[in-house]
C-alpha atoms as a PDB file:
ATOM      1  CA  MET A   1     -10.037 -35.110 130.334  1.00  0.00           C
ATOM      2  CA  GLU A   2      -9.850 -34.582 134.096  1.00  0.00           C
ATOM      3  CA  GLN A   3     -13.638 -34.249 134.198  1.00  0.00           C
ATOM      4  CA  LEU A   4     -14.024 -37.585 132.395  1.00  0.00           C
ATOM      5  CA  MET A   5     -11.643 -39.243 134.849  1.00  0.00           C
ATOM      6  CA  GLN A   6     -13.482 -37.835 137.864  1.00  0.00           C
ATOM      7  CA  ASN A   7     -16.834 -38.895 136.440  1.00  0.00           C
ATOM      8  CA  TRP A   8     -15.729 -42.337 135.295  1.00  0.00           C
ATOM      9  CA  TRP A   9     -18.753 -43.759 137.079  1.00  0.00           C
ATOM     10  CA  LEU A  10     -21.068 -41.911 134.652  1.00  0.00           C
ATOM     11  CA  VAL A  11     -19.301 -43.613 131.753  1.00  0.00           C
ATOM     12  CA  ALA A  12     -19.685 -46.935 133.588  1.00  0.00           C
ATOM     13  CA  LEU A  13     -23.373 -46.199 134.160  1.00  0.00           C
ATOM     14  CA  ARG A  14     -23.811 -45.488 130.431  1.00  0.00           C
ATOM     15  CA  GLY A  15     -22.103 -48.808 129.715  1.00  0.00           C
ATOM     16  CA  GLY A  16     -24.299 -50.645 132.190  1.00  0.00           C
ATOM     17  CA  LEU A  17     -27.438 -49.163 130.628  1.00  0.00           C
ATOM     18  CA  GLY A  18     -26.191 -50.215 127.200  1.00  0.00           C
ATOM     19  CA  VAL A  19     -25.555 -53.780 128.372  1.00  0.00           C
ATOM     20  CA  LEU A  20     -28.996 -53.906 130.028  1.00  0.00           C
ATOM     21  CA  PHE A  21     -30.733 -52.577 126.913  1.00  0.00           C
ATOM     22  CA  GLY A  22     -28.815 -55.044 124.723  1.00  0.00           C
ATOM     23  CA  LEU A  23     -29.714 -58.001 126.923  1.00  0.00           C
ATOM     24  CA  ILE A  24     -33.381 -57.024 126.942  1.00  0.00           C
ATOM     25  CA  ALA A  25     -33.356 -56.814 123.132  1.00  0.00           C
ATOM     26  CA  PHE A  26     -31.894 -60.341 122.887  1.00  0.00           C
ATOM     27  CA  LEU A  27     -33.842 -61.989 125.688  1.00  0.00           C
ATOM     28  CA  LEU A  28     -37.208 -60.465 124.740  1.00  0.00           C
ATOM     29  CA  PRO A  29     -37.027 -60.089 120.935  1.00  0.00           C
ATOM     30  CA  GLY A  30     -40.766 -60.264 120.569  1.00  0.00           C
ATOM     31  CA  VAL A  31     -41.361 -57.017 122.445  1.00  0.00           C
ATOM     32  CA  THR A  32     -43.978 -54.778 120.920  1.00  0.00           C
ATOM     33  CA  LEU A  33     -42.982 -51.680 119.028  1.00  0.00           C
ATOM     34  CA  ALA A  34     -44.355 -49.518 121.830  1.00  0.00           C
ATOM     35  CA  VAL A  35     -42.082 -51.225 124.370  1.00  0.00           C
ATOM     36  CA  LEU A  36     -39.093 -50.922 122.038  1.00  0.00           C
ATOM     37  CA  VAL A  37     -39.894 -47.241 121.545  1.00  0.00           C
ATOM     38  CA  ALA A  38     -40.095 -46.715 125.306  1.00  0.00           C
ATOM     39  CA  PHE A  39     -36.840 -48.615 125.944  1.00  0.00           C
ATOM     40  CA  PHE A  40     -34.987 -46.709 123.241  1.00  0.00           C
ATOM     41  CA  GLY A  41     -36.457 -43.377 124.339  1.00  0.00           C
ATOM     42  CA  ALA A  42     -35.508 -43.968 127.966  1.00  0.00           C
ATOM     43  CA  PHE A  43     -32.024 -45.178 127.005  1.00  0.00           C
ATOM     44  CA  ALA A  44     -31.336 -42.210 124.684  1.00  0.00           C
ATOM     45  CA  LEU A  45     -32.741 -39.734 127.217  1.00  0.00           C
ATOM     46  CA  ALA A  46     -30.734 -41.133 130.154  1.00  0.00           C
ATOM     47  CA  ASP A  47     -27.578 -41.396 128.051  1.00  0.00           C
ATOM     48  CA  GLY A  48     -28.057 -37.812 126.843  1.00  0.00           C
ATOM     49  CA  ILE A  49     -28.633 -36.479 130.359  1.00  0.00           C
ATOM     50  CA  PHE A  50     -25.443 -38.152 131.635  1.00  0.00           C
ATOM     51  CA  LEU A  51     -23.441 -36.691 128.743  1.00  0.00           C
ATOM     52  CA  LEU A  52     -24.960 -33.224 129.182  1.00  0.00           C
ATOM     53  CA  PHE A  53     -24.181 -33.353 132.909  1.00  0.00           C
ATOM     54  CA  THR A  54     -20.566 -34.312 132.260  1.00  0.00           C
ATOM     55  CA  GLY A  55     -20.169 -31.743 129.469  1.00  0.00           C
ATOM     56  CA  LEU A  56     -21.664 -28.887 131.429  1.00  0.00           C
ATOM     57  CA  ARG A  57     -19.577 -29.706 134.506  1.00  0.00           C
ATOM     58  CA  SER A  58     -16.497 -29.252 132.303  1.00  0.00           C
ATOM     59  CA  VAL A  59     -17.378 -25.675 131.251  1.00  0.00           C
ATOM     60  CA  HIS A  60     -15.601 -24.015 134.169  1.00  0.00           C
ATOM     61  CA  ARG A  61     -12.412 -25.943 133.432  1.00  0.00           C
ATOM     62  CA  ARG A  62     -12.390 -24.580 129.876  1.00  0.00           C
ATOM     63  CA  GLU A  63     -12.080 -28.103 128.526  1.00  0.00           C
ATOM     64  CA  ARG A  64     -13.759 -29.038 125.273  1.00  0.00           C
ATOM     65  CA  TRP A  65     -17.087 -29.487 126.990  1.00  0.00           C
ATOM     66  CA  TRP A  66     -19.139 -28.780 123.880  1.00  0.00           C
ATOM     67  CA  ALA A  67     -18.583 -32.227 122.295  1.00  0.00           C
ATOM     68  CA  LEU A  68     -20.045 -34.027 125.310  1.00  0.00           C
ATOM     69  CA  ALA A  69     -22.827 -31.464 125.640  1.00  0.00           C
ATOM     70  CA  LEU A  70     -23.656 -31.751 121.921  1.00  0.00           C
ATOM     71  CA  GLN A  71     -23.711 -35.537 122.095  1.00  0.00           C
ATOM     72  CA  GLY A  72     -25.898 -35.282 125.197  1.00  0.00           C
ATOM     73  CA  ALA A  73     -28.285 -32.840 123.498  1.00  0.00           C
ATOM     74  CA  VAL A  74     -28.649 -35.215 120.528  1.00  0.00           C
ATOM     75  CA  GLY A  75     -29.451 -38.068 122.932  1.00  0.00           C
ATOM     76  CA  VAL A  76     -31.938 -35.997 124.934  1.00  0.00           C
ATOM     77  CA  LEU A  77     -33.636 -34.813 121.732  1.00  0.00           C
ATOM     78  CA  ALA A  78     -33.848 -38.363 120.345  1.00  0.00           C
ATOM     79  CA  GLY A  79     -35.234 -39.605 123.676  1.00  0.00           C
ATOM     80  CA  ILE A  80     -37.835 -36.829 123.980  1.00  0.00           C
ATOM     81  CA  ILE A  81     -39.027 -37.217 120.376  1.00  0.00           C
ATOM     82  CA  THR A  82     -39.319 -40.963 120.850  1.00  0.00           C
ATOM     83  CA  LEU A  83     -41.223 -40.686 124.142  1.00  0.00           C
ATOM     84  CA  LEU A  84     -43.580 -37.927 122.943  1.00  0.00           C
ATOM     85  CA  TRP A  85     -44.678 -39.909 119.862  1.00  0.00           C
ATOM     86  CA  PRO A  86     -44.840 -43.546 120.985  1.00  0.00           C
ATOM     87  CA  ALA A  87     -47.026 -44.517 118.046  1.00  0.00           C
ATOM     88  CA  ILE A  88     -44.193 -43.676 115.643  1.00  0.00           C
ATOM     89  CA  THR A  89     -43.892 -46.160 112.814  1.00  0.00           C
ATOM     90  CA  ALA A  90     -41.150 -48.761 112.728  1.00  0.00           C
ATOM     91  CA  LEU A  91     -39.542 -47.105 109.727  1.00  0.00           C
ATOM     92  CA  ALA A  92     -39.547 -43.652 111.335  1.00  0.00           C
ATOM     93  CA  LEU A  93     -38.089 -45.112 114.523  1.00  0.00           C
ATOM     94  CA  LEU A  94     -35.463 -46.899 112.501  1.00  0.00           C
ATOM     95  CA  PHE A  95     -34.366 -43.639 110.843  1.00  0.00           C
ATOM     96  CA  LEU A  96     -34.462 -41.783 114.175  1.00  0.00           C
ATOM     97  CA  ILE A  97     -32.223 -44.415 115.746  1.00  0.00           C
ATOM     98  CA  ALA A  98     -29.957 -44.393 112.665  1.00  0.00           C
ATOM     99  CA  ALA A  99     -29.559 -40.595 112.835  1.00  0.00           C
ATOM    100  CA  TRP A 100     -28.804 -40.798 116.560  1.00  0.00           C
ATOM    101  CA  ALA A 101     -26.254 -43.588 116.028  1.00  0.00           C
ATOM    102  CA  LEU A 102     -24.522 -41.724 113.184  1.00  0.00           C
ATOM    103  CA  ALA A 103     -24.319 -38.423 115.097  1.00  0.00           C
ATOM    104  CA  THR A 104     -23.156 -40.109 118.296  1.00  0.00           C
ATOM    105  CA  GLY A 105     -20.593 -42.206 116.429  1.00  0.00           C
ATOM    106  CA  VAL A 106     -19.032 -39.261 114.621  1.00  0.00           C
ATOM    107  CA  ILE A 107     -18.768 -37.298 117.878  1.00  0.00           C
ATOM    108  CA  GLU A 108     -17.193 -40.279 119.707  1.00  0.00           C
ATOM    109  CA  ILE A 109     -14.653 -40.848 116.915  1.00  0.00           C
ATOM    110  CA  ALA A 110     -13.730 -37.158 117.000  1.00  0.00           C
ATOM    111  CA  ALA A 111     -13.333 -37.318 120.791  1.00  0.00           C
ATOM    112  CA  ALA A 112     -11.117 -40.425 120.521  1.00  0.00           C
ATOM    113  CA  ILE A 113      -8.886 -38.668 117.986  1.00  0.00           C
ATOM    114  CA  ARG A 114      -8.597 -35.653 120.289  1.00  0.00           C
ATOM    115  CA  LEU A 115      -7.817 -37.859 123.315  1.00  0.00           C
ATOM    116  CA  ARG A 116      -5.163 -39.981 121.583  1.00  0.00           C
ATOM    117  CA  LYS A 117      -2.367 -37.757 122.912  1.00  0.00           C
ATOM    118  CA  GLU A 118      -3.785 -37.620 126.433  1.00  0.00           C
ATOM    119  CA  ILE A 119      -4.545 -41.249 127.307  1.00  0.00           C
ATOM    120  CA  HIS A 120      -3.755 -44.774 126.211  1.00  0.00           C
ATOM    121  CA  ASN A 121      -6.516 -47.046 124.920  1.00  0.00           C
ATOM    122  CA  GLU A 122      -8.486 -44.162 123.446  1.00  0.00           C
ATOM    123  CA  TRP A 123      -9.212 -46.627 120.645  1.00  0.00           C
ATOM    124  CA  LEU A 124     -11.994 -48.018 122.849  1.00  0.00           C
ATOM    125  CA  LEU A 125     -13.908 -44.758 122.450  1.00  0.00           C
ATOM    126  CA  GLY A 126     -13.097 -44.723 118.726  1.00  0.00           C
ATOM    127  CA  LEU A 127     -14.347 -48.298 118.404  1.00  0.00           C
ATOM    128  CA  ILE A 128     -17.575 -47.357 120.187  1.00  0.00           C
ATOM    129  CA  GLY A 129     -17.968 -44.521 117.686  1.00  0.00           C
ATOM    130  CA  ALA A 130     -17.264 -46.841 114.758  1.00  0.00           C
ATOM    131  CA  LEU A 131     -19.884 -49.288 116.060  1.00  0.00           C
ATOM    132  CA  SER A 132     -22.386 -46.427 116.286  1.00  0.00           C
ATOM    133  CA  VAL A 133     -21.658 -45.338 112.715  1.00  0.00           C
ATOM    134  CA  LEU A 134     -21.878 -48.956 111.492  1.00  0.00           C
ATOM    135  CA  LEU A 135     -25.262 -49.377 113.183  1.00  0.00           C
ATOM    136  CA  GLY A 136     -26.549 -46.160 111.603  1.00  0.00           C
ATOM    137  CA  VAL A 137     -25.332 -47.157 108.136  1.00  0.00           C
ATOM    138  CA  LEU A 138     -26.795 -50.678 108.396  1.00  0.00           C
ATOM    139  CA  LEU A 139     -30.171 -49.385 109.565  1.00  0.00           C
ATOM    140  CA  VAL A 140     -30.352 -46.917 106.664  1.00  0.00           C
ATOM    141  CA  ALA A 141     -29.054 -49.421 104.092  1.00  0.00           C
ATOM    142  CA  PHE A 142     -31.422 -52.246 105.058  1.00  0.00           C
ATOM    143  CA  PRO A 143     -34.604 -50.672 106.470  1.00  0.00           C
ATOM    144  CA  GLY A 144     -36.894 -53.421 105.208  1.00  0.00           C
ATOM    145  CA  GLU A 145     -35.181 -56.334 106.926  1.00  0.00           C
ATOM    146  CA  GLY A 146     -37.857 -56.502 109.554  1.00  0.00           C
ATOM    147  CA  LEU A 147     -38.381 -55.434 113.100  1.00  0.00           C
ATOM    148  CA  LEU A 148     -36.751 -58.477 114.682  1.00  0.00           C
ATOM    149  CA  ALA A 149     -33.559 -58.082 112.656  1.00  0.00           C
ATOM    150  CA  TRP A 150     -33.059 -54.483 113.633  1.00  0.00           C
ATOM    151  CA  VAL A 151     -34.092 -55.125 117.234  1.00  0.00           C
ATOM    152  CA  TRP A 152     -31.216 -57.609 117.328  1.00  0.00           C
ATOM    153  CA  ALA A 153     -28.877 -55.187 115.520  1.00  0.00           C
ATOM    154  CA  ILE A 154     -29.697 -52.448 118.010  1.00  0.00           C
ATOM    155  CA  GLY A 155     -29.356 -54.926 120.874  1.00  0.00           C
ATOM    156  CA  ALA A 156     -25.949 -56.087 119.594  1.00  0.00           C
ATOM    157  CA  TYR A 157     -24.815 -52.480 119.281  1.00  0.00           C
ATOM    158  CA  ALA A 158     -26.042 -51.587 122.774  1.00  0.00           C
ATOM    159  CA  LEU A 159     -24.417 -54.676 124.272  1.00  0.00           C
ATOM    160  CA  ALA A 160     -21.066 -54.181 122.484  1.00  0.00           C
ATOM    161  CA  SER A 161     -20.889 -50.445 123.108  1.00  0.00           C
ATOM    162  CA  GLY A 162     -21.958 -50.982 126.727  1.00  0.00           C
ATOM    163  CA  VAL A 163     -19.123 -53.445 127.318  1.00  0.00           C
ATOM    164  CA  LEU A 164     -16.629 -51.091 125.618  1.00  0.00           C
ATOM    165  CA  LEU A 165     -17.892 -48.159 127.699  1.00  0.00           C
ATOM    166  CA  LEU A 166     -17.416 -50.212 130.854  1.00  0.00           C
ATOM    167  CA  LEU A 167     -13.828 -51.021 129.817  1.00  0.00           C
ATOM    168  CA  PHE A 168     -13.217 -47.344 129.021  1.00  0.00           C
ATOM    169  CA  ALA A 169     -14.756 -46.286 132.355  1.00  0.00           C
ATOM    170  CA  PHE A 170     -12.481 -48.551 134.346  1.00  0.00           C
ATOM    171  CA  ARG A 171      -9.492 -47.227 132.406  1.00  0.00           C
ATOM    172  CA  LEU A 172     -10.608 -43.698 133.350  1.00  0.00           C
ATOM    173  CA  ARG A 173     -11.041 -44.815 136.956  1.00  0.00           C
ATOM    174  CA  ARG A 174      -7.503 -46.158 137.044  1.00  0.00           C
ATOM    175  CA  LEU A 175      -6.145 -42.940 135.523  1.00  0.00           C
ATOM    176  CA  ASP A 176      -8.091 -40.888 138.086  1.00  0.00           C
ATOM    177  CA  HIS A 177      -6.766 -43.049 140.904  1.00  0.00           C
ATOM    178  CA  GLU A 178      -3.197 -42.697 139.617  1.00  0.00           C
ATOM    179  CA  ALA A 179      -3.615 -38.922 139.247  1.00  0.00           C
ATOM    180  CA  HIS A 180      -4.898 -38.497 142.805  1.00  0.00           C
ATOM    181  CA  HIS A 181      -2.857 -41.108 144.631  1.00  0.00           C
ATOM    182  CA  GLY A 182       0.161 -41.407 142.379  1.00  0.00           C
ATOM    183  CA  THR A 183       2.023 -44.599 141.742  1.00  0.00           C
ATOM    184  CA  HIS A 184       5.022 -44.702 144.001  1.00  0.00           C
ATOM    185  CA  ALA A 185       7.128 -47.619 142.831  1.00  0.00           C
ATOM    186  CA  ASN A 186      10.130 -46.438 144.847  1.00  0.00           C
ATOM    187  CA  ALA A 187       8.246 -45.878 148.124  1.00  0.00           C
END
């Protein structure tokens, strides 16, 4: 938990990337599949690297670093696969994104449950996880709805989860500030 508080800016950066990706999906819905593949690959890779970095920095503190590292590894793997095979079909990309969203969502929900005794507003992380799971389920349930529909679904997910990550990051920042500076109401 301390590692998350100290690296709140990484969570904020993840949120900012999510918001940026979501806005691009809405503002440029006619992007080609190759551009969408590149955007998703870059987003998943960057997100995974940030999570791996945070997870691995927590190893020496004997915190539960493995959840962040696992989530990061899934993101890095999804990003690398996407970037290595840019000619991947829309359906294959859809299932790759769905698998990533489902895995990420389950890990985030588990982390929120674990953090519920340590911080307030852990529901933000749980809600991000639920959004990820919902995206994965919708993509698998309705694969034939067309590229534009799932570009918008992915964009909505990225935008919503990005905003929630930003809120969560600033909560972590406040907790970190309180932990290091203390709140002295009687001073």
